[in-house]
Amino acid sequence: MLTNKRMLACAMLGIILVAALAVASPKGSSPFNVPETMLIAGKEIKAGQYDVKWESNSSEATVTFSVLGKPILEVKGKVVEGDKKFEANSFLIGKDASGRKVIKEIQYSGKKTSIVLE
């Protein structure tokens, strides 16, 4: 039978482990509007409203675009910390060699973190 001190120690250890996992594996999710068909990491994504989730275990991130809970596209990227928080969910858009629009970076409202897509 566990003593009260052991039960308390086990509970504290569990809390510490959960907190450590939350810090070690940052993740987030936000709604984004893609205004027109674009490319992301060489893959085409249609215009529409997406839930964009990201998860990271280091400087690498996995980003998933979903519609109504169904994953549509998954891409890899690098997590970058900026100097100030972004004011809105937004994309940094560039163009490829053929002139098509390409989503290069995802910026999350209220966070200094952005994800540069590969």
N, C-alpha and C. Protein backbone atom coordinates (compact mmCIF):
# COMPACT_ATOMS: atom_id res chain seq x y z
N MET A 1 0.85 -1.19 0.00
CA MET A 1 0.00 0.00 0.00
C MET A 1 0.89 1.25 0.00
N LEU A 2 0.53 2.20 -0.81
CA LEU A 2 1.31 3.43 -0.90
C LEU A 2 0.99 4.34 0.27
N THR A 3 2.03 4.95 0.80
CA THR A 3 1.81 5.92 1.86
C THR A 3 1.39 7.24 1.24
N ASN A 4 0.89 8.13 2.06
CA ASN A 4 0.47 9.45 1.57
C ASN A 4 1.63 10.19 0.91
N LYS A 5 2.83 10.07 1.50
CA LYS A 5 3.99 10.76 0.92
C LYS A 5 4.33 10.20 -0.45
N ARG A 6 4.26 8.89 -0.61
CA ARG A 6 4.55 8.28 -1.90
C ARG A 6 3.50 8.65 -2.94
N MET A 7 2.24 8.66 -2.52
CA MET A 7 1.18 9.04 -3.45
C MET A 7 1.36 10.48 -3.92
N LEU A 8 1.72 11.36 -2.99
CA LEU A 8 1.95 12.75 -3.33
C LEU A 8 3.15 12.87 -4.27
N ALA A 9 4.21 12.14 -3.99
CA ALA A 9 5.41 12.17 -4.84
C ALA A 9 5.08 11.66 -6.25
N CYS A 10 4.30 10.60 -6.35
CA CYS A 10 3.90 10.07 -7.66
C CYS A 10 3.03 11.07 -8.42
N ALA A 11 2.12 11.72 -7.72
CA ALA A 11 1.27 12.72 -8.35
C ALA A 11 2.10 13.90 -8.85
N MET A 12 3.04 14.35 -8.05
CA MET A 12 3.91 15.47 -8.46
C MET A 12 4.75 15.09 -9.67
N LEU A 13 5.28 13.87 -9.67
CA LEU A 13 6.08 13.41 -10.80
C LEU A 13 5.23 13.37 -12.07
N GLY A 14 4.01 12.91 -11.96
CA GLY A 14 3.10 12.88 -13.11
C GLY A 14 2.84 14.27 -13.66
N ILE A 15 2.63 15.24 -12.78
CA ILE A 15 2.40 16.62 -13.20
C ILE A 15 3.64 17.18 -13.92
N ILE A 16 4.81 16.90 -13.37
CA ILE A 16 6.06 17.37 -13.98
C ILE A 16 6.25 16.75 -15.35
N LEU A 17 5.97 15.45 -15.50
CA LEU A 17 6.11 14.78 -16.79
C LEU A 17 5.16 15.36 -17.84
N VAL A 18 3.92 15.60 -17.46
CA VAL A 18 2.95 16.18 -18.38
C VAL A 18 3.41 17.57 -18.82
N ALA A 19 3.89 18.37 -17.87
CA ALA A 19 4.37 19.72 -18.21
C ALA A 19 5.59 19.64 -19.13
N ALA A 20 6.49 18.70 -18.87
CA ALA A 20 7.68 18.55 -19.71
C ALA A 20 7.31 18.14 -21.12
N LEU A 21 6.34 17.26 -21.27
CA LEU A 21 5.89 16.85 -22.60
C LEU A 21 5.26 18.02 -23.36
N ALA A 22 4.52 18.85 -22.65
CA ALA A 22 3.89 20.00 -23.29
C ALA A 22 4.94 20.97 -23.80
N VAL A 23 6.03 21.16 -23.05
CA VAL A 23 7.10 22.05 -23.46
C VAL A 23 7.93 21.42 -24.57
N ALA A 24 8.18 20.13 -24.48
CA ALA A 24 9.04 19.44 -25.44
C ALA A 24 8.38 19.28 -26.81
N SER A 25 7.08 19.31 -26.86
CA SER A 25 6.38 19.10 -28.12
C SER A 25 5.39 20.23 -28.37
N PRO A 26 5.90 21.42 -28.72
CA PRO A 26 4.99 22.53 -28.97
C PRO A 26 4.07 22.23 -30.15
N LYS A 27 2.85 22.72 -30.05
CA LYS A 27 1.91 22.52 -31.14
C LYS A 27 0.88 23.63 -31.09
N GLY A 28 0.19 23.79 -32.17
CA GLY A 28 -0.84 24.81 -32.25
C GLY A 28 -1.80 24.50 -33.38
N SER A 29 -2.90 25.25 -33.39
CA SER A 29 -3.91 25.08 -34.42
C SER A 29 -4.68 26.38 -34.55
N SER A 30 -4.89 26.81 -35.77
CA SER A 30 -5.64 28.04 -36.02
C SER A 30 -6.33 27.95 -37.38
N PRO A 31 -7.44 28.68 -37.53
CA PRO A 31 -8.09 28.73 -38.83
C PRO A 31 -7.36 29.69 -39.77
N PHE A 32 -7.26 29.31 -41.03
CA PHE A 32 -6.64 30.15 -42.06
C PHE A 32 -7.50 30.11 -43.30
N ASN A 33 -7.58 31.24 -43.99
CA ASN A 33 -8.27 31.32 -45.27
C ASN A 33 -7.22 31.35 -46.38
N VAL A 34 -7.32 30.41 -47.29
CA VAL A 34 -6.47 30.41 -48.48
C VAL A 34 -7.32 31.05 -49.57
N PRO A 35 -6.96 32.28 -50.01
CA PRO A 35 -7.84 33.03 -50.91
C PRO A 35 -7.90 32.53 -52.35
N GLU A 36 -6.90 31.77 -52.77
CA GLU A 36 -6.89 31.24 -54.13
C GLU A 36 -6.00 30.00 -54.15
N THR A 37 -6.07 29.23 -55.22
CA THR A 37 -5.22 28.05 -55.34
C THR A 37 -3.76 28.47 -55.33
N MET A 38 -2.97 27.79 -54.48
CA MET A 38 -1.55 28.09 -54.33
C MET A 38 -0.77 26.80 -54.17
N LEU A 39 0.53 26.93 -54.16
CA LEU A 39 1.41 25.79 -53.90
C LEU A 39 1.96 25.88 -52.48
N ILE A 40 2.13 24.72 -51.87
CA ILE A 40 2.81 24.62 -50.58
C ILE A 40 3.77 23.45 -50.69
N ALA A 41 5.06 23.75 -50.56
CA ALA A 41 6.09 22.70 -50.65
C ALA A 41 5.89 21.84 -51.90
N GLY A 42 5.56 22.49 -53.02
CA GLY A 42 5.39 21.79 -54.29
C GLY A 42 4.04 21.11 -54.47
N LYS A 43 3.15 21.22 -53.48
CA LYS A 43 1.83 20.60 -53.56
C LYS A 43 0.77 21.69 -53.68
N GLU A 44 -0.25 21.41 -54.48
CA GLU A 44 -1.31 22.39 -54.71
C GLU A 44 -2.36 22.31 -53.61
N ILE A 45 -2.81 23.50 -53.18
CA ILE A 45 -3.92 23.57 -52.22
C ILE A 45 -4.94 24.55 -52.79
N LYS A 46 -6.20 24.16 -52.75
CA LYS A 46 -7.29 24.95 -53.32
C LYS A 46 -7.70 26.07 -52.37
N ALA A 47 -8.37 27.07 -52.91
CA ALA A 47 -8.91 28.15 -52.09
C ALA A 47 -9.92 27.59 -51.11
N GLY A 48 -9.95 28.14 -49.90
CA GLY A 48 -10.92 27.70 -48.91
C GLY A 48 -10.45 27.97 -47.50
N GLN A 49 -11.28 27.59 -46.54
CA GLN A 49 -11.01 27.75 -45.11
C GLN A 49 -10.39 26.46 -44.58
N TYR A 50 -9.26 26.56 -43.92
CA TYR A 50 -8.54 25.40 -43.41
C TYR A 50 -8.21 25.58 -41.94
N ASP A 51 -8.18 24.46 -41.22
CA ASP A 51 -7.63 24.44 -39.88
C ASP A 51 -6.17 24.01 -40.08
N VAL A 52 -5.24 24.87 -39.69
CA VAL A 52 -3.82 24.59 -39.90
C VAL A 52 -3.20 24.24 -38.55
N LYS A 53 -2.79 22.98 -38.42
CA LYS A 53 -2.18 22.49 -37.17
C LYS A 53 -0.70 22.29 -37.38
N TRP A 54 0.07 22.54 -36.34
CA TRP A 54 1.49 22.28 -36.40
C TRP A 54 1.95 21.60 -35.12
N GLU A 55 2.95 20.78 -35.26
CA GLU A 55 3.54 20.09 -34.11
C GLU A 55 5.04 20.00 -34.34
N SER A 56 5.79 20.23 -33.27
CA SER A 56 7.24 20.26 -33.38
C SER A 56 7.89 19.59 -32.18
N ASN A 57 8.97 18.87 -32.44
CA ASN A 57 9.77 18.28 -31.37
C ASN A 57 11.15 18.93 -31.30
N SER A 58 11.44 19.81 -32.20
CA SER A 58 12.73 20.52 -32.25
C SER A 58 12.53 21.73 -33.14
N SER A 59 13.50 22.02 -33.96
CA SER A 59 13.33 23.13 -34.90
C SER A 59 12.57 22.70 -36.15
N GLU A 60 12.27 21.41 -36.25
CA GLU A 60 11.49 20.87 -37.37
C GLU A 60 10.02 20.82 -36.98
N ALA A 61 9.14 21.05 -37.94
CA ALA A 61 7.70 21.03 -37.66
C ALA A 61 6.97 20.26 -38.75
N THR A 62 5.86 19.65 -38.35
CA THR A 62 4.93 19.04 -39.29
C THR A 62 3.68 19.88 -39.28
N VAL A 63 3.23 20.31 -40.46
CA VAL A 63 2.06 21.17 -40.58
C VAL A 63 0.99 20.42 -41.36
N THR A 64 -0.23 20.40 -40.82
CA THR A 64 -1.34 19.69 -41.45
C THR A 64 -2.47 20.68 -41.75
N PHE A 65 -2.89 20.72 -42.98
CA PHE A 65 -4.06 21.50 -43.40
C PHE A 65 -5.25 20.56 -43.41
N SER A 66 -6.32 20.91 -42.68
CA SER A 66 -7.52 20.06 -42.58
C SER A 66 -8.77 20.86 -42.92
N VAL A 67 -9.77 20.15 -43.42
CA VAL A 67 -11.09 20.71 -43.66
C VAL A 67 -12.09 19.81 -42.94
N LEU A 68 -12.88 20.42 -42.04
CA LEU A 68 -13.88 19.68 -41.27
C LEU A 68 -13.27 18.45 -40.59
N GLY A 69 -12.05 18.62 -40.05
CA GLY A 69 -11.38 17.54 -39.33
C GLY A 69 -10.68 16.51 -40.19
N LYS A 70 -10.80 16.63 -41.51
CA LYS A 70 -10.17 15.68 -42.42
C LYS A 70 -8.87 16.27 -42.96
N PRO A 71 -7.73 15.62 -42.69
CA PRO A 71 -6.45 16.12 -43.21
C PRO A 71 -6.44 16.13 -44.74
N ILE A 72 -6.03 17.25 -45.32
CA ILE A 72 -5.97 17.43 -46.77
C ILE A 72 -4.53 17.40 -47.25
N LEU A 73 -3.63 18.00 -46.47
CA LEU A 73 -2.25 18.16 -46.90
C LEU A 73 -1.34 18.23 -45.67
N GLU A 74 -0.22 17.52 -45.73
CA GLU A 74 0.77 17.57 -44.65
C GLU A 74 2.12 17.94 -45.25
N VAL A 75 2.79 18.94 -44.66
CA VAL A 75 4.09 19.39 -45.14
C VAL A 75 5.05 19.56 -43.96
N LYS A 76 6.32 19.61 -44.28
CA LYS A 76 7.37 19.83 -43.27
C LYS A 76 7.83 21.27 -43.32
N GLY A 77 8.33 21.74 -42.19
CA GLY A 77 8.86 23.10 -42.13
C GLY A 77 9.82 23.26 -40.97
N LYS A 78 10.35 24.47 -40.83
CA LYS A 78 11.26 24.81 -39.75
C LYS A 78 10.61 25.87 -38.88
N VAL A 79 10.71 25.69 -37.57
CA VAL A 79 10.17 26.63 -36.60
C VAL A 79 11.17 27.78 -36.44
N VAL A 80 10.66 29.01 -36.56
CA VAL A 80 11.49 30.20 -36.43
C VAL A 80 10.87 31.11 -35.38
N GLU A 81 11.68 31.58 -34.45
CA GLU A 81 11.21 32.53 -33.43
C GLU A 81 11.55 33.95 -33.86
N GLY A 82 10.55 34.81 -33.90
CA GLY A 82 10.75 36.20 -34.29
C GLY A 82 10.93 37.10 -33.08
N ASP A 83 11.01 38.40 -33.32
CA ASP A 83 11.21 39.38 -32.26
C ASP A 83 9.90 39.86 -31.64
N LYS A 84 8.84 39.86 -32.45
CA LYS A 84 7.57 40.35 -31.93
C LYS A 84 6.43 39.43 -32.37
N LYS A 85 5.31 39.53 -31.66
CA LYS A 85 4.15 38.70 -31.96
C LYS A 85 3.47 39.17 -33.24
N PHE A 86 2.94 38.20 -33.98
CA PHE A 86 2.20 38.52 -35.19
C PHE A 86 0.80 39.01 -34.82
N GLU A 87 0.28 39.96 -35.57
CA GLU A 87 -1.03 40.54 -35.27
C GLU A 87 -2.18 39.68 -35.76
N ALA A 88 -1.95 38.85 -36.77
CA ALA A 88 -3.03 38.04 -37.34
C ALA A 88 -2.45 36.76 -37.92
N ASN A 89 -3.30 35.76 -38.09
CA ASN A 89 -2.89 34.56 -38.83
C ASN A 89 -2.63 34.99 -40.26
N SER A 90 -1.46 34.65 -40.78
CA SER A 90 -1.15 35.08 -42.15
C SER A 90 -0.13 34.15 -42.79
N PHE A 91 -0.04 34.29 -44.11
CA PHE A 91 0.95 33.56 -44.89
C PHE A 91 1.93 34.56 -45.49
N LEU A 92 3.18 34.16 -45.61
CA LEU A 92 4.15 34.89 -46.41
C LEU A 92 4.17 34.19 -47.76
N ILE A 93 3.84 34.92 -48.81
CA ILE A 93 3.66 34.32 -50.13
C ILE A 93 4.73 34.80 -51.09
N GLY A 94 5.27 33.87 -51.87
CA GLY A 94 6.24 34.18 -52.92
C GLY A 94 5.76 33.59 -54.22
N LYS A 95 6.66 33.49 -55.19
CA LYS A 95 6.31 32.88 -56.48
C LYS A 95 7.39 31.88 -56.86
N ASP A 96 6.97 30.84 -57.58
CA ASP A 96 7.95 29.87 -58.08
C ASP A 96 8.46 30.33 -59.45
N ALA A 97 9.29 29.52 -60.08
CA ALA A 97 9.91 29.89 -61.36
C ALA A 97 8.88 30.14 -62.47
N SER A 98 7.71 29.49 -62.37
CA SER A 98 6.68 29.67 -63.40
C SER A 98 5.70 30.79 -63.06
N GLY A 99 5.92 31.47 -61.93
CA GLY A 99 5.05 32.59 -61.56
C GLY A 99 3.87 32.21 -60.69
N ARG A 100 3.74 30.94 -60.31
CA ARG A 100 2.62 30.52 -59.45
C ARG A 100 2.89 30.93 -58.00
N LYS A 101 1.83 31.32 -57.29
CA LYS A 101 1.98 31.73 -55.90
C LYS A 101 2.29 30.51 -55.02
N VAL A 102 3.23 30.74 -54.08
CA VAL A 102 3.69 29.69 -53.18
C VAL A 102 3.64 30.21 -51.75
N ILE A 103 3.00 29.45 -50.85
CA ILE A 103 3.02 29.80 -49.43
C ILE A 103 4.38 29.39 -48.88
N LYS A 104 5.15 30.38 -48.43
CA LYS A 104 6.52 30.14 -47.96
C LYS A 104 6.61 30.03 -46.44
N GLU A 105 5.69 30.72 -45.75
CA GLU A 105 5.76 30.78 -44.28
C GLU A 105 4.37 30.94 -43.71
N ILE A 106 4.15 30.35 -42.53
CA ILE A 106 2.89 30.48 -41.81
C ILE A 106 3.16 31.25 -40.53
N GLN A 107 2.37 32.30 -40.29
CA GLN A 107 2.54 33.13 -39.10
C GLN A 107 1.26 33.07 -38.28
N TYR A 108 1.41 32.80 -36.99
CA TYR A 108 0.25 32.63 -36.10
C TYR A 108 0.01 33.87 -35.26
N SER A 109 -1.24 34.32 -35.22
CA SER A 109 -1.65 35.48 -34.44
C SER A 109 -1.29 35.31 -32.96
N GLY A 110 -0.72 36.36 -32.38
CA GLY A 110 -0.41 36.35 -30.96
C GLY A 110 0.84 35.56 -30.59
N LYS A 111 1.55 35.05 -31.57
CA LYS A 111 2.77 34.27 -31.30
C LYS A 111 3.95 34.88 -32.03
N LYS A 112 5.15 34.66 -31.50
CA LYS A 112 6.39 35.08 -32.17
C LYS A 112 6.87 33.99 -33.11
N THR A 113 6.23 32.82 -33.01
CA THR A 113 6.64 31.66 -33.79
C THR A 113 6.05 31.68 -35.18
N SER A 114 6.87 31.37 -36.17
CA SER A 114 6.37 31.15 -37.52
C SER A 114 6.98 29.85 -38.02
N ILE A 115 6.42 29.32 -39.09
CA ILE A 115 6.93 28.08 -39.67
C ILE A 115 7.28 28.35 -41.12
N VAL A 116 8.55 28.18 -41.44
CA VAL A 116 9.03 28.34 -42.81
C VAL A 116 8.91 26.98 -43.48
N LEU A 117 8.15 26.93 -44.57
CA LEU A 117 7.87 25.66 -45.24
C LEU A 117 8.99 25.27 -46.20
N GLU A 118 9.21 23.98 -46.29
CA GLU A 118 10.28 23.46 -47.16
C GLU A 118 9.77 23.18 -48.54
